[in-house]
Protein backbone atom coordinates (compact mmCIF):
# COMPACT_ATOMS: atom_id res chain seq x y z
CA MET A 1 -0.05 0.26 -0.25
CA ARG A 2 2.26 2.31 1.15
CA SER A 3 5.10 1.43 -2.09
CA SER A 4 1.93 2.09 -4.38
CA LEU A 5 1.00 5.62 -2.76
CA LEU A 6 5.02 6.56 -3.18
CA ALA A 7 4.69 5.02 -7.21
CA TRP A 8 1.58 7.76 -7.42
CA LEU A 9 3.04 10.25 -5.25
CA LEU A 10 6.18 10.20 -7.89
CA PHE A 11 3.78 9.84 -11.11
CA ALA A 12 1.77 13.15 -9.89
CA LEU A 13 5.12 15.06 -9.51
CA VAL A 14 6.71 14.09 -12.78
CA LEU A 15 3.51 15.04 -14.41
CA LEU A 16 3.62 18.32 -12.94
CA ALA A 17 7.29 18.78 -13.10
CA ALA A 18 7.38 18.53 -17.24
CA PRO A 19 6.73 21.17 -18.17
CA LEU A 20 9.14 22.73 -16.00
CA VAL A 21 11.69 21.35 -17.21
CA PHE A 22 10.80 21.22 -21.06
CA PRO A 23 9.09 24.76 -21.35
CA GLN A 24 9.14 25.05 -25.29
CA SER A 25 6.10 25.00 -27.09
CA ALA A 26 6.77 21.94 -29.27
CA ALA A 27 7.85 20.08 -25.96
CA LEU A 28 4.25 20.72 -24.70
CA SER A 29 2.74 19.49 -27.54
CA LEU A 30 4.36 16.54 -27.63
CA LEU A 31 4.16 16.20 -23.30
CA SER A 32 0.41 16.74 -24.49
CA GLN A 33 0.02 14.02 -27.28
CA MET A 34 1.89 11.76 -24.77
CA GLY A 35 -0.52 12.14 -22.24
CA THR A 36 -3.88 11.75 -24.27
CA MET A 37 -1.81 8.46 -25.98
CA VAL A 38 -0.81 7.61 -22.40
CA LEU A 39 -4.70 7.08 -21.48
CA LEU A 40 -5.77 5.23 -24.23
CA CYS A 41 -3.02 2.93 -24.11
CA LEU A 42 -4.34 2.17 -20.44
CA SER A 43 -7.88 2.14 -21.52
CA CYS A 44 -6.74 -0.51 -24.41
CA ASN A 45 -4.90 -2.57 -21.66
CA MET A 46 -8.44 -3.04 -19.65
CA LEU A 47 -9.48 -5.25 -22.18
CA LEU A 48 -6.04 -6.78 -23.57
CA GLY A 49 -3.76 -7.36 -20.40
CA GLU A 50 -7.23 -7.96 -17.95
CA GLY A 51 -9.38 -9.61 -20.23
CA GLY A 52 -7.22 -11.19 -22.81
CA MET A 53 -9.55 -9.38 -25.05
CA LEU A 54 -7.53 -8.86 -28.45
CA SER A 55 -9.68 -5.21 -30.14
CA PHE A 56 -9.04 -4.04 -33.48
CA GLY A 57 -11.21 -0.81 -33.18
CA HIS A 58 -10.58 0.84 -29.78
CA ALA A 59 -9.88 3.88 -31.64
CA VAL A 60 -13.55 3.50 -32.67
CA TYR A 61 -14.74 4.19 -28.90
CA SER A 62 -12.23 7.28 -28.68
CA GLY A 63 -12.49 8.40 -31.86
CA LEU A 64 -16.46 9.01 -31.31
CA GLY A 65 -15.69 10.57 -27.68
CA ALA A 66 -13.39 12.93 -29.52
CA PHE A 67 -16.23 13.05 -32.38
CA GLY A 68 -18.75 13.96 -29.02
CA ALA A 69 -16.46 16.43 -27.56
CA ILE A 70 -16.18 18.97 -30.44
CA ASP A 71 -19.91 18.58 -30.89
CA LEU A 72 -20.20 20.12 -27.56
CA MET A 73 -17.24 22.41 -27.72
CA ASN A 74 -19.14 23.96 -31.09
CA ARG A 75 -22.24 24.08 -29.45
CA MET A 76 -20.78 25.67 -26.56
CA ASP A 77 -19.59 28.09 -28.35
CA ALA A 78 -22.54 29.00 -30.03
CA GLY A 79 -24.57 29.55 -27.17
CA ALA A 80 -26.59 26.95 -27.48
CA LEU A 81 -25.14 24.86 -24.36
CA ALA A 82 -23.16 26.52 -21.22
CA PHE A 83 -20.79 24.03 -20.04
CA PRO A 84 -17.45 24.01 -19.01
CA VAL A 85 -14.59 23.36 -20.92
CA THR A 86 -12.75 21.53 -18.25
CA LEU A 87 -15.21 18.56 -18.04
CA VAL A 88 -15.73 18.28 -21.66
CA PRO A 89 -13.54 15.10 -21.49
CA LEU A 90 -16.18 13.69 -19.47
CA ALA A 91 -18.65 14.23 -22.14
CA GLY A 92 -16.64 12.33 -24.81
CA GLY A 93 -15.94 9.44 -22.10
CA LEU A 94 -19.79 9.35 -21.50
CA THR A 95 -19.94 9.37 -25.49
CA GLY A 96 -17.68 6.14 -26.18
CA ALA A 97 -19.06 4.47 -23.29
CA LEU A 98 -23.27 4.96 -24.83
CA CYS A 99 -21.24 3.73 -28.24
CA ALA A 100 -19.75 0.28 -26.03
CA VAL A 101 -23.08 -0.20 -24.93
CA VAL A 102 -24.88 -0.46 -28.14
CA LEU A 103 -21.92 -1.84 -30.24
CA GLY A 104 -20.33 -4.04 -27.39
CA TYR A 105 -23.27 -5.85 -26.85
CA LEU A 106 -22.68 -7.93 -29.64
CA THR A 107 -19.04 -7.99 -29.75
CA THR A 108 -18.94 -9.62 -26.34
CA ARG A 109 -20.68 -12.36 -27.59
CA ARG A 110 -17.36 -14.18 -28.54
CA ALA A 111 -14.09 -14.15 -27.49
CA GLY A 112 -10.50 -15.15 -28.37
CA THR A 113 -9.67 -14.79 -32.40
CA THR A 114 -13.67 -14.62 -33.21
CA PHE A 115 -13.90 -11.21 -30.86
CA ALA A 116 -10.66 -10.02 -33.03
CA MET A 117 -12.33 -10.46 -36.64
CA ILE A 118 -15.23 -8.82 -34.92
CA THR A 119 -13.85 -5.89 -33.47
CA LEU A 120 -11.42 -5.72 -36.99
CA GLY A 121 -14.79 -5.74 -38.97
CA LEU A 122 -16.44 -2.44 -36.81
CA VAL A 123 -13.65 -0.09 -37.01
CA GLU A 124 -14.21 -0.41 -40.84
CA LEU A 125 -17.55 -0.65 -40.61
CA VAL A 126 -17.88 2.68 -38.32
CA SER A 127 -14.76 3.77 -40.47
CA ALA A 128 -16.65 3.86 -43.44
CA SER A 129 -20.04 5.49 -41.90
CA VAL A 130 -18.29 8.50 -40.70
CA LEU A 131 -17.45 9.30 -44.32
CA MET A 132 -20.82 8.02 -45.49
CA LEU A 133 -22.13 11.04 -43.17
CA PRO A 134 -20.68 13.99 -43.72
CA GLU A 135 -23.43 16.48 -42.76
CA VAL A 136 -22.65 14.95 -39.11
CA PHE A 137 -19.47 14.44 -38.93
CA GLY A 138 -17.47 16.62 -41.44
CA GLY A 139 -16.33 13.76 -44.07
CA GLU A 140 -12.53 13.97 -44.48
CA GLY A 141 -12.17 16.93 -43.31
CA GLY A 142 -13.33 16.40 -40.42
CA ILE A 143 -14.97 18.99 -37.97
CA SER A 144 -12.67 21.80 -35.85
CA GLY A 145 -13.69 23.80 -32.69
CA ASN A 146 -12.48 26.30 -30.58
CA ARG A 147 -10.99 25.57 -27.30
CA VAL A 148 -11.17 28.91 -25.70
CA ILE A 149 -15.00 29.97 -25.27
CA GLY A 150 -16.35 32.53 -23.08
CA GLN A 151 -14.57 34.51 -20.64
CA PRO A 152 -11.51 33.37 -18.32
CA VAL A 153 -12.37 31.36 -15.16
CA LEU A 154 -9.10 31.89 -12.54
CA GLY A 155 -7.39 33.06 -15.39
CA ILE A 156 -7.52 29.53 -17.20
CA SER A 157 -8.61 29.74 -20.83
CA TYR A 158 -7.07 26.88 -22.33
CA GLY A 159 -5.46 28.77 -25.01
CA PRO A 160 -2.21 28.44 -24.56
CA GLN A 161 -0.54 25.48 -24.68
CA ILE A 162 0.10 24.74 -21.03
CA GLN A 163 -2.94 24.85 -19.60
CA VAL A 164 -3.88 22.37 -21.94
CA TYR A 165 -1.09 19.98 -21.21
CA TYR A 166 -2.34 20.47 -17.51
CA LEU A 167 -5.77 19.87 -18.20
CA ILE A 168 -4.23 16.71 -19.78
CA ALA A 169 -2.67 15.41 -17.21
CA GLY A 170 -5.28 16.14 -14.08
CA TRP A 171 -7.52 13.99 -16.36
CA LEU A 172 -4.68 11.29 -17.10
CA LEU A 173 -3.36 11.10 -13.16
CA VAL A 174 -7.65 11.17 -12.63
CA CYS A 175 -8.59 8.46 -14.85
CA ALA A 176 -4.98 6.50 -14.60
CA ILE A 177 -5.64 5.90 -11.18
CA ALA A 178 -9.40 4.36 -11.59
CA ILE A 179 -8.07 2.44 -13.90
CA TYR A 180 -5.36 1.09 -11.37
CA ALA A 181 -8.30 0.87 -8.54
CA LEU A 182 -10.42 -1.21 -11.05
CA ARG A 183 -7.71 -4.07 -11.37
CA HIS A 184 -8.64 -4.88 -7.34
CA THR A 185 -11.94 -4.52 -7.38
CA PRO A 186 -13.73 -7.85 -7.64
CA LEU A 187 -14.95 -7.26 -11.44
CA GLY A 188 -11.34 -6.84 -12.51
CA ARG A 189 -10.77 -10.33 -10.61
CA ILE A 190 -13.29 -11.45 -12.28
CA LEU A 191 -12.76 -10.32 -15.70
CA ASN A 192 -8.88 -12.14 -14.97
CA ALA A 193 -10.76 -15.72 -14.26
CA VAL A 194 -12.57 -15.12 -17.26
CA ARG A 195 -9.97 -14.53 -18.98
CA ASP A 196 -8.00 -17.40 -18.02
CA ASN A 197 -10.85 -19.67 -17.34
CA PRO A 198 -14.05 -18.88 -18.93
CA GLU A 199 -15.77 -22.02 -18.14
CA ARG A 200 -14.14 -22.39 -15.15
CA ALA A 201 -15.75 -19.17 -13.98
CA ALA A 202 -19.11 -19.71 -15.80
CA PHE A 203 -19.64 -23.01 -13.50
CA LEU A 204 -18.79 -20.56 -10.30
CA GLY A 205 -22.30 -18.30 -11.81
CA TYR A 206 -20.40 -15.71 -13.74
CA ASP A 207 -21.50 -15.12 -17.10
CA PRO A 208 -18.11 -14.40 -19.00
CA GLN A 209 -19.85 -12.40 -21.84
CA ARG A 210 -22.08 -9.99 -19.69
CA VAL A 211 -18.52 -9.30 -17.63
CA ARG A 212 -16.67 -8.85 -20.91
CA TYR A 213 -19.20 -6.55 -21.90
CA LEU A 214 -19.22 -4.61 -18.77
CA ALA A 215 -15.49 -4.88 -19.04
CA LEU A 216 -15.69 -3.12 -22.30
CA ILE A 217 -18.04 -0.24 -21.28
CA LEU A 218 -15.89 0.89 -18.99
CA SER A 219 -12.29 0.81 -21.17
CA ALA A 220 -14.52 2.80 -23.99
CA PHE A 221 -15.28 5.77 -21.38
CA PHE A 222 -11.68 5.72 -20.29
CA ALA A 223 -10.39 5.71 -24.60
CA GLY A 224 -13.52 8.52 -24.83
CA VAL A 225 -12.43 10.90 -22.28
CA SER A 226 -8.91 10.31 -24.18
CA GLY A 227 -10.83 11.27 -27.70
CA GLY A 228 -11.99 14.43 -25.86
CA LEU A 229 -8.80 15.20 -24.33
CA SER A 230 -7.23 15.06 -28.18
CA ALA A 231 -10.30 17.41 -29.49
CA ILE A 232 -9.42 19.90 -27.19
CA ASN A 233 -5.45 19.91 -27.81
CA PHE A 234 -5.74 19.96 -31.80
CA GLU A 235 -8.99 21.41 -32.13
CA ILE A 236 -10.14 19.16 -34.91
CA VAL A 237 -11.15 15.25 -35.19
CA SER A 238 -11.52 14.04 -38.55
CA ALA A 239 -12.92 10.32 -39.56
CA GLU A 240 -8.45 8.85 -38.82
CA TYR A 241 -9.39 9.09 -35.33
CA VAL A 242 -12.32 5.71 -35.74
CA GLY A 243 -9.89 4.25 -38.43
CA ALA A 244 -8.51 0.98 -38.21
CA LEU A 245 -4.43 2.74 -38.57
CA ARG A 246 -5.30 3.88 -35.28
CA SER A 247 -6.46 1.03 -33.92
CA GLY A 248 -3.28 -0.95 -34.77
CA THR A 249 -1.16 1.70 -33.48
CA ILE A 250 -2.92 2.03 -29.97
CA LEU A 251 -1.87 -2.02 -30.40
CA LEU A 252 1.12 -1.64 -31.06
CA PHE A 253 2.27 1.39 -28.65
CA THR A 254 0.19 -0.90 -25.80
CA PHE A 255 2.75 -4.02 -26.88
CA ILE A 256 5.43 -2.43 -26.70
CA GLY A 257 4.90 -1.04 -22.98
CA GLY A 258 3.86 -4.68 -22.20
CA THR A 259 0.28 -5.74 -21.04
CA ALA A 260 0.91 -7.87 -17.76
CA TYR A 261 2.20 -4.95 -15.77
CA PHE A 262 -0.03 -1.47 -15.20
CA TYR A 263 2.43 0.73 -16.31
CA GLY A 264 3.31 -1.22 -19.65
CA PRO A 265 0.78 0.97 -21.46
CA ILE A 266 1.95 4.19 -19.77
CA LEU A 267 5.79 3.21 -21.19
CA GLY A 268 4.07 2.00 -24.77
CA GLY A 269 2.31 5.40 -25.17
CA VAL A 270 5.23 7.57 -24.77
CA VAL A 271 8.05 5.45 -26.61
CA GLY A 272 5.14 5.40 -28.93
CA VAL A 273 4.75 9.02 -29.43
CA LEU A 274 8.24 9.94 -29.50
CA PHE A 275 8.78 7.67 -32.45
CA SER A 276 5.32 9.04 -34.40
CA SER A 277 6.10 12.35 -33.40
CA TRP A 278 9.34 13.40 -32.33
CA LEU A 279 11.94 10.86 -34.26
CA SER A 280 9.19 12.00 -37.70
CA THR A 281 10.54 15.23 -37.35
CA PHE A 282 14.41 13.98 -37.91
CA THR A 283 14.03 10.99 -40.57
CA GLN A 284 11.31 10.05 -43.04
CA ALA A 285 12.12 6.64 -42.04
CA TRP A 286 10.45 6.28 -38.67
CA GLN A 287 7.76 4.18 -39.67
CA PHE A 288 10.53 1.46 -40.50
CA TYR A 289 12.90 2.05 -37.28
CA LEU A 290 9.23 1.99 -35.42
CA GLY A 291 8.33 -2.05 -36.99
CA ALA A 292 12.11 -2.57 -36.47
CA PHE A 293 12.07 -1.76 -32.71
CA PHE A 294 8.43 -4.01 -32.19
CA ILE A 295 10.10 -6.71 -34.24
CA LEU A 296 12.70 -6.45 -31.89
CA ILE A 297 10.80 -6.12 -28.46
CA VAL A 298 8.56 -9.08 -29.63
CA MET A 299 11.67 -11.17 -29.82
CA THR A 300 13.60 -10.30 -27.53
CA ALA A 301 11.19 -9.72 -24.57
CA PRO A 302 7.87 -10.76 -24.92
CA GLY A 303 6.62 -8.80 -21.79
CA GLY A 304 7.55 -5.57 -23.43
CA LEU A 305 9.56 -2.84 -21.98
CA ALA A 306 7.96 -3.12 -18.57
CA SER A 307 9.38 -6.70 -18.12
CA LEU A 308 12.72 -5.52 -19.28
CA ILE A 309 12.58 -2.91 -16.21
CA ASP A 310 11.36 -5.54 -14.20
CA ARG A 311 14.22 -8.49 -14.70
CA SER A 312 16.79 -5.17 -14.16
CA TRP A 313 15.21 -4.38 -10.88
CA ARG A 314 15.29 -7.80 -9.73
CA LEU A 315 18.73 -8.48 -10.74
CA LEU A 316 19.60 -5.57 -9.11
CA ARG A 317 18.34 -6.28 -5.99
CA GLY A 318 19.50 -9.59 -6.53
CA GLY A 319 23.19 -8.27 -5.96
CA GLY A 320 23.25 -7.21 -9.77
CA LEU A 321 26.44 -8.38 -11.92
CA ASP A 322 29.50 -9.96 -11.74
CA ALA A 323 32.30 -8.98 -13.61
CA ARG A 324 32.13 -11.78 -16.24
CA GLN A 325 28.50 -10.71 -16.47
CA ALA A 326 29.26 -7.43 -16.48
CA TRP A 327 31.82 -7.84 -19.23
CA ARG A 328 29.17 -9.85 -21.47
CA LEU A 329 26.65 -6.99 -21.32
CA GLY A 330 28.95 -4.53 -22.69
CA LEU A 331 30.47 -6.73 -25.96
CA TRP A 332 26.82 -7.52 -26.11
CA LEU A 333 25.99 -3.63 -26.28
CA ALA A 334 29.30 -2.78 -28.37
CA ALA A 335 27.87 -5.09 -30.69
CA ALA A 336 24.45 -4.19 -31.27
CA LEU A 337 25.58 -0.20 -30.93
CA CYS A 338 27.73 -1.45 -33.99
CA THR A 339 24.68 -2.61 -35.90
CA LEU A 340 22.61 -0.44 -35.13
CA ALA A 341 24.49 2.44 -36.85
CA GLY A 342 25.12 0.21 -39.54
CA VAL A 343 21.91 -0.18 -39.99
CA ILE A 344 20.39 3.72 -39.40
CA LEU A 345 23.60 4.29 -42.06
CA ALA A 346 22.48 1.93 -44.44
CA THR A 347 18.18 3.18 -44.17
CA GLU A 348 19.16 7.22 -44.37
CA MET A 349 20.74 6.54 -47.43
CA ALA A 350 18.55 4.20 -49.07
CA TYR A 351 15.64 6.81 -48.12
CA GLN A 352 17.59 9.49 -49.49
CA ALA A 353 18.41 7.95 -52.93
CA SER A 354 14.68 6.71 -53.29
CA LEU A 355 12.22 8.88 -51.86
CA GLY A 356 12.84 11.85 -54.13
CA SER A 357 14.15 13.57 -50.63
CA LEU A 358 17.79 14.60 -53.06
CA ALA A 359 17.85 18.19 -54.53
CA ASP A 360 19.78 18.60 -57.39
CA THR A 361 22.09 21.64 -57.07
CA GLY A 362 24.74 22.47 -59.35
CA GLU A 363 27.23 20.24 -58.39
CA GLY A 364 24.42 17.05 -58.38
CA ALA A 365 22.76 15.49 -55.80
CA ALA A 366 22.49 17.23 -52.56
CA PRO A 367 24.08 14.88 -49.72
CA LEU A 368 22.66 13.14 -46.64
CA LEU A 369 23.26 15.18 -43.53
CA LEU A 370 23.29 12.64 -40.60
CA TRP A 371 25.83 12.74 -37.74
CA GLY A 372 27.04 16.04 -38.32
CA CYS A 373 28.20 14.27 -41.98
CA ALA A 374 27.86 15.18 -45.33
CA ILE A 375 27.38 11.74 -47.21
CA ASP A 376 27.30 10.77 -50.87
CA VAL A 377 24.91 8.01 -50.78
CA HIS A 378 25.76 7.67 -54.67
CA ALA A 379 28.95 6.95 -53.73
CA ALA A 380 30.61 3.33 -52.79
CA ARG A 381 32.18 3.87 -49.47
CA PRO A 382 29.49 4.82 -47.42
CA TRP A 383 27.65 1.56 -48.50
CA ILE A 384 30.92 -0.53 -47.43
CA ILE A 385 30.76 1.62 -44.36
CA ALA A 386 26.78 0.57 -43.73
CA MET A 387 27.46 -3.11 -44.63
CA ALA A 388 31.27 -3.73 -42.51
CA LEU A 389 28.88 -2.06 -39.89
CA ILE A 390 26.21 -4.74 -39.70
CA GLY A 391 28.13 -7.27 -40.27
CA VAL A 392 30.74 -6.77 -37.57
CA GLY A 393 27.85 -5.84 -35.04
CA SER A 394 25.65 -9.16 -35.99
CA ALA A 395 29.01 -11.44 -35.94
CA GLY A 396 29.27 -10.19 -32.27
CA LEU A 397 25.79 -10.83 -31.40
CA LEU A 398 25.39 -14.52 -32.99
CA ALA A 399 28.95 -14.70 -30.87
CA TRP A 400 27.65 -14.03 -27.61
CA HIS A 401 24.56 -15.61 -28.46
CA ARG A 402 26.40 -19.10 -29.34
CA LYS A 403 28.20 -18.33 -25.89
CA GLY A 404 25.83 -17.60 -23.56
CA ARG A 405 24.29 -20.78 -24.72
CA THR A 406 27.88 -23.22 -24.22
């Protein structure tokens, strides 16, 4: 109990201090995106980690919640309704939960692969319906709004990005505590039982379909809150919010963080936004790196980043590394960094050469600027260096692996 309280206090302190450490406007925008994505991943893990329900349609509830929030904001701006902007995410959550009441009754009648396939069809159905009803959802352009409504209250108008960030941080903290508490309620324990052995849970008198249904409604509520926060942050909601691509992104980030740990989706949301919103400003190949990183996590740490942290913590508590283990870890890191450098060099040169990013100048094509060096992607030497780095690093990793098995 005491350790949990300290963890939550530390989490709240991090949320409070983050904009003080990173006060730049771009950093505040990035932190705001992290907050909404973390909440979305936490809500997704209520189904995936706690209930064993692989949903390819989780973006439906966050997206429809975002549409509900932006519609409420527009009505408030027009003077038709009086409602505090601070509580707009609540409207998004209620919209998501209401949609889950309607859609979830059918999707939760089956579990396992059947449930996953139904949600995949559902996300395509909803995405197509959004585009077919432009008078309701705005078509491909979506619906825009204005978060600065009425007179400021206590100096808060949600015009400055830092005020939006603290709104997102506040909702994230409250919702994260609620999700954590739900894990320890009888419903959370029964959901775990339905995940592990639905036949035995049914024998004990619990209806697995009803348990899954309730879990989906609660998960959709928190997803809708995340959608409402996104609507406030970006002031626009489009059909992409309910698409299959966004649903896949949510699953990807959740898996990267780790579904077996409560803080796994938090890590996944942060890392995922760093890839999609920060790394993408430096390279066109960010999706390649994200995919490679996901494959690496699945192959080396199926439990996600959270499992790596847990194993490292257990190792440190057990006395740490001896000299031989530290030496082997150093060799592995050196080989991994060598391989990584070669892969990055080869990937960036390939993108520079093939995606039309070369600008013609009087002296020919513009070189690739990487690590402070100007690299001619049409010359043989950089490619030889890249292949050599990959070869040496891979050989080192292979030797390390073989030695570890003997």
